[in-house]
């Protein structure tokens, strides 16, 4: 886990719940769908964020849910928090 200050991260209750179940923040592959400014880059070591809008060059990929280039069952966790796609 990169950022121990969860108060700065939206959805910190989810992150806290993942810590309770001993989620592997350093070795798991995480997709942040509708990532906005890609704030979870500071939390997970291996996260790719995508959004249909290029928010200040923050998303790793600019695409929508239908064109995201991920194969089924490749991620350990997919975050979809507040996305309206």
C-alpha atoms as a PDB file:
ATOM      1  CA  UNK A   1       0.000   0.000   0.000  1.00  0.00           C
ATOM      2  CA  UNK A   2       1.508   3.280  -1.074  1.00  0.00           C
ATOM      3  CA  UNK A   3      -0.550   5.887   0.813  1.00  0.00           C
ATOM      4  CA  UNK A   4      -1.291   5.165   4.454  1.00  0.00           C
ATOM      5  CA  UNK A   5      -3.274   8.394   4.893  1.00  0.00           C
ATOM      6  CA  UNK A   6      -6.680   7.114   3.801  1.00  0.00           C
ATOM      7  CA  UNK A   7      -8.401  10.375   4.772  1.00  0.00           C
ATOM      8  CA  UNK A   8      -7.156  11.901   1.519  1.00  0.00           C
ATOM      9  CA  UNK A   9      -8.649   9.168  -0.678  1.00  0.00           C
ATOM     10  CA  UNK A  10     -12.317   9.093  -1.752  1.00  0.00           C
ATOM     11  CA  UNK A  11     -14.021   5.842  -0.787  1.00  0.00           C
ATOM     12  CA  UNK A  12     -11.722   5.319   2.174  1.00  0.00           C
ATOM     13  CA  UNK A  13     -14.307   3.000   3.766  1.00  0.00           C
ATOM     14  CA  UNK A  14     -13.766   0.592   0.886  1.00  0.00           C
ATOM     15  CA  UNK A  15     -10.006   0.753   1.335  1.00  0.00           C
ATOM     16  CA  UNK A  16     -10.412   0.130   5.067  1.00  0.00           C
ATOM     17  CA  UNK A  17     -12.599  -2.905   4.345  1.00  0.00           C
ATOM     18  CA  UNK A  18      -9.977  -4.259   1.943  1.00  0.00           C
ATOM     19  CA  UNK A  19      -7.346  -3.890   4.663  1.00  0.00           C
ATOM     20  CA  UNK A  20      -9.555  -5.868   7.060  1.00  0.00           C
ATOM     21  CA  UNK A  21      -9.630  -8.838   4.672  1.00  0.00           C
ATOM     22  CA  UNK A  22      -5.857  -8.561   4.094  1.00  0.00           C
ATOM     23  CA  UNK A  23      -6.156  -7.515   0.450  1.00  0.00           C
ATOM     24  CA  UNK A  24      -2.720  -7.479  -1.179  1.00  0.00           C
ATOM     25  CA  UNK A  25      -2.323  -3.796  -2.120  1.00  0.00           C
ATOM     26  CA  UNK A  26       1.177  -4.295  -3.496  1.00  0.00           C
ATOM     27  CA  UNK A  27       0.787  -7.339  -5.746  1.00  0.00           C
ATOM     28  CA  UNK A  28      -2.813  -7.245  -6.963  1.00  0.00           C
ATOM     29  CA  UNK A  29      -3.869  -5.887 -10.331  1.00  0.00           C
ATOM     30  CA  UNK A  30      -6.529  -3.201  -9.912  1.00  0.00           C
ATOM     31  CA  UNK A  31      -8.617  -1.457 -12.573  1.00  0.00           C
ATOM     32  CA  UNK A  32     -10.184   1.885 -11.688  1.00  0.00           C
ATOM     33  CA  UNK A  33     -13.092   2.313 -14.109  1.00  0.00           C
ATOM     34  CA  UNK A  34     -14.109   5.946 -14.448  1.00  0.00           C
ATOM     35  CA  UNK A  35     -10.988   7.021 -12.572  1.00  0.00           C
ATOM     36  CA  UNK A  36     -11.318  10.797 -12.964  1.00  0.00           C
ATOM     37  CA  UNK A  37      -8.039  12.170 -11.602  1.00  0.00           C
ATOM     38  CA  UNK A  38      -6.742   8.647 -10.886  1.00  0.00           C
ATOM     39  CA  UNK A  39      -6.337   9.167  -7.118  1.00  0.00           C
ATOM     40  CA  UNK A  40      -5.925   5.448  -6.435  1.00  0.00           C
ATOM     41  CA  UNK A  41      -2.452   5.544  -8.030  1.00  0.00           C
ATOM     42  CA  UNK A  42      -1.343   6.615  -4.548  1.00  0.00           C
ATOM     43  CA  UNK A  43      -3.003   3.606  -2.891  1.00  0.00           C
ATOM     44  CA  UNK A  44      -2.380   0.564  -5.088  1.00  0.00           C
ATOM     45  CA  UNK A  45       0.997  -0.377  -6.545  1.00  0.00           C
ATOM     46  CA  UNK A  46      -0.460  -1.925  -9.702  1.00  0.00           C
ATOM     47  CA  UNK A  47      -3.510   0.066 -10.808  1.00  0.00           C
ATOM     48  CA  UNK A  48      -4.637   1.200 -14.239  1.00  0.00           C
ATOM     49  CA  UNK A  49      -7.254   3.903 -14.344  1.00  0.00           C
ATOM     50  CA  UNK A  50      -9.426   4.707 -17.331  1.00  0.00           C
ATOM     51  CA  UNK A  51     -12.016   7.363 -17.985  1.00  0.00           C
ATOM     52  CA  UNK A  52     -13.951   8.517 -21.016  1.00  0.00           C
ATOM     53  CA  UNK A  53     -12.782  12.090 -20.321  1.00  0.00           C
ATOM     54  CA  UNK A  54      -9.124  13.069 -20.142  1.00  0.00           C
ATOM     55  CA  UNK A  55      -8.960  14.759 -16.719  1.00  0.00           C
ATOM     56  CA  UNK A  56      -5.708  16.777 -16.802  1.00  0.00           C
ATOM     57  CA  UNK A  57      -3.827  13.846 -18.374  1.00  0.00           C
ATOM     58  CA  UNK A  58      -4.482  11.751 -15.240  1.00  0.00           C
ATOM     59  CA  UNK A  59      -6.171   8.613 -16.645  1.00  0.00           C
ATOM     60  CA  UNK A  60      -3.822   5.943 -17.923  1.00  0.00           C
ATOM     61  CA  UNK A  61      -6.316   5.238 -20.715  1.00  0.00           C
ATOM     62  CA  UNK A  62      -9.026   7.374 -22.254  1.00  0.00           C
ATOM     63  CA  UNK A  63     -11.880   5.032 -23.165  1.00  0.00           C
ATOM     64  CA  UNK A  64     -15.292   3.971 -21.925  1.00  0.00           C
ATOM     65  CA  UNK A  65     -16.525   0.763 -20.305  1.00  0.00           C
ATOM     66  CA  UNK A  66     -17.292  -0.777 -23.690  1.00  0.00           C
ATOM     67  CA  UNK A  67     -13.909  -0.117 -25.289  1.00  0.00           C
ATOM     68  CA  UNK A  68     -11.621  -0.680 -22.286  1.00  0.00           C
ATOM     69  CA  UNK A  69      -8.921  -3.122 -23.462  1.00  0.00           C
ATOM     70  CA  UNK A  70      -9.093  -5.649 -20.621  1.00  0.00           C
ATOM     71  CA  UNK A  71      -9.752  -9.358 -20.928  1.00  0.00           C
ATOM     72  CA  UNK A  72     -12.293 -10.994 -18.641  1.00  0.00           C
ATOM     73  CA  UNK A  73     -11.056 -12.040 -15.210  1.00  0.00           C
ATOM     74  CA  UNK A  74      -7.656 -10.344 -15.483  1.00  0.00           C
ATOM     75  CA  UNK A  75      -8.057  -7.970 -12.515  1.00  0.00           C
ATOM     76  CA  UNK A  76      -8.041  -8.835  -8.850  1.00  0.00           C
ATOM     77  CA  UNK A  77     -10.233  -5.809  -8.120  1.00  0.00           C
ATOM     78  CA  UNK A  78     -12.262  -3.384 -10.242  1.00  0.00           C
ATOM     79  CA  UNK A  79     -13.197  -0.049  -8.689  1.00  0.00           C
ATOM     80  CA  UNK A  80     -16.270   1.696 -10.086  1.00  0.00           C
ATOM     81  CA  UNK A  81     -16.877   4.539  -7.662  1.00  0.00           C
ATOM     82  CA  UNK A  82     -19.166   7.373  -8.702  1.00  0.00           C
ATOM     83  CA  UNK A  83     -18.852   6.675 -12.398  1.00  0.00           C
ATOM     84  CA  UNK A  84     -21.741   7.697 -14.620  1.00  0.00           C
ATOM     85  CA  UNK A  85     -20.876   5.945 -17.885  1.00  0.00           C
END
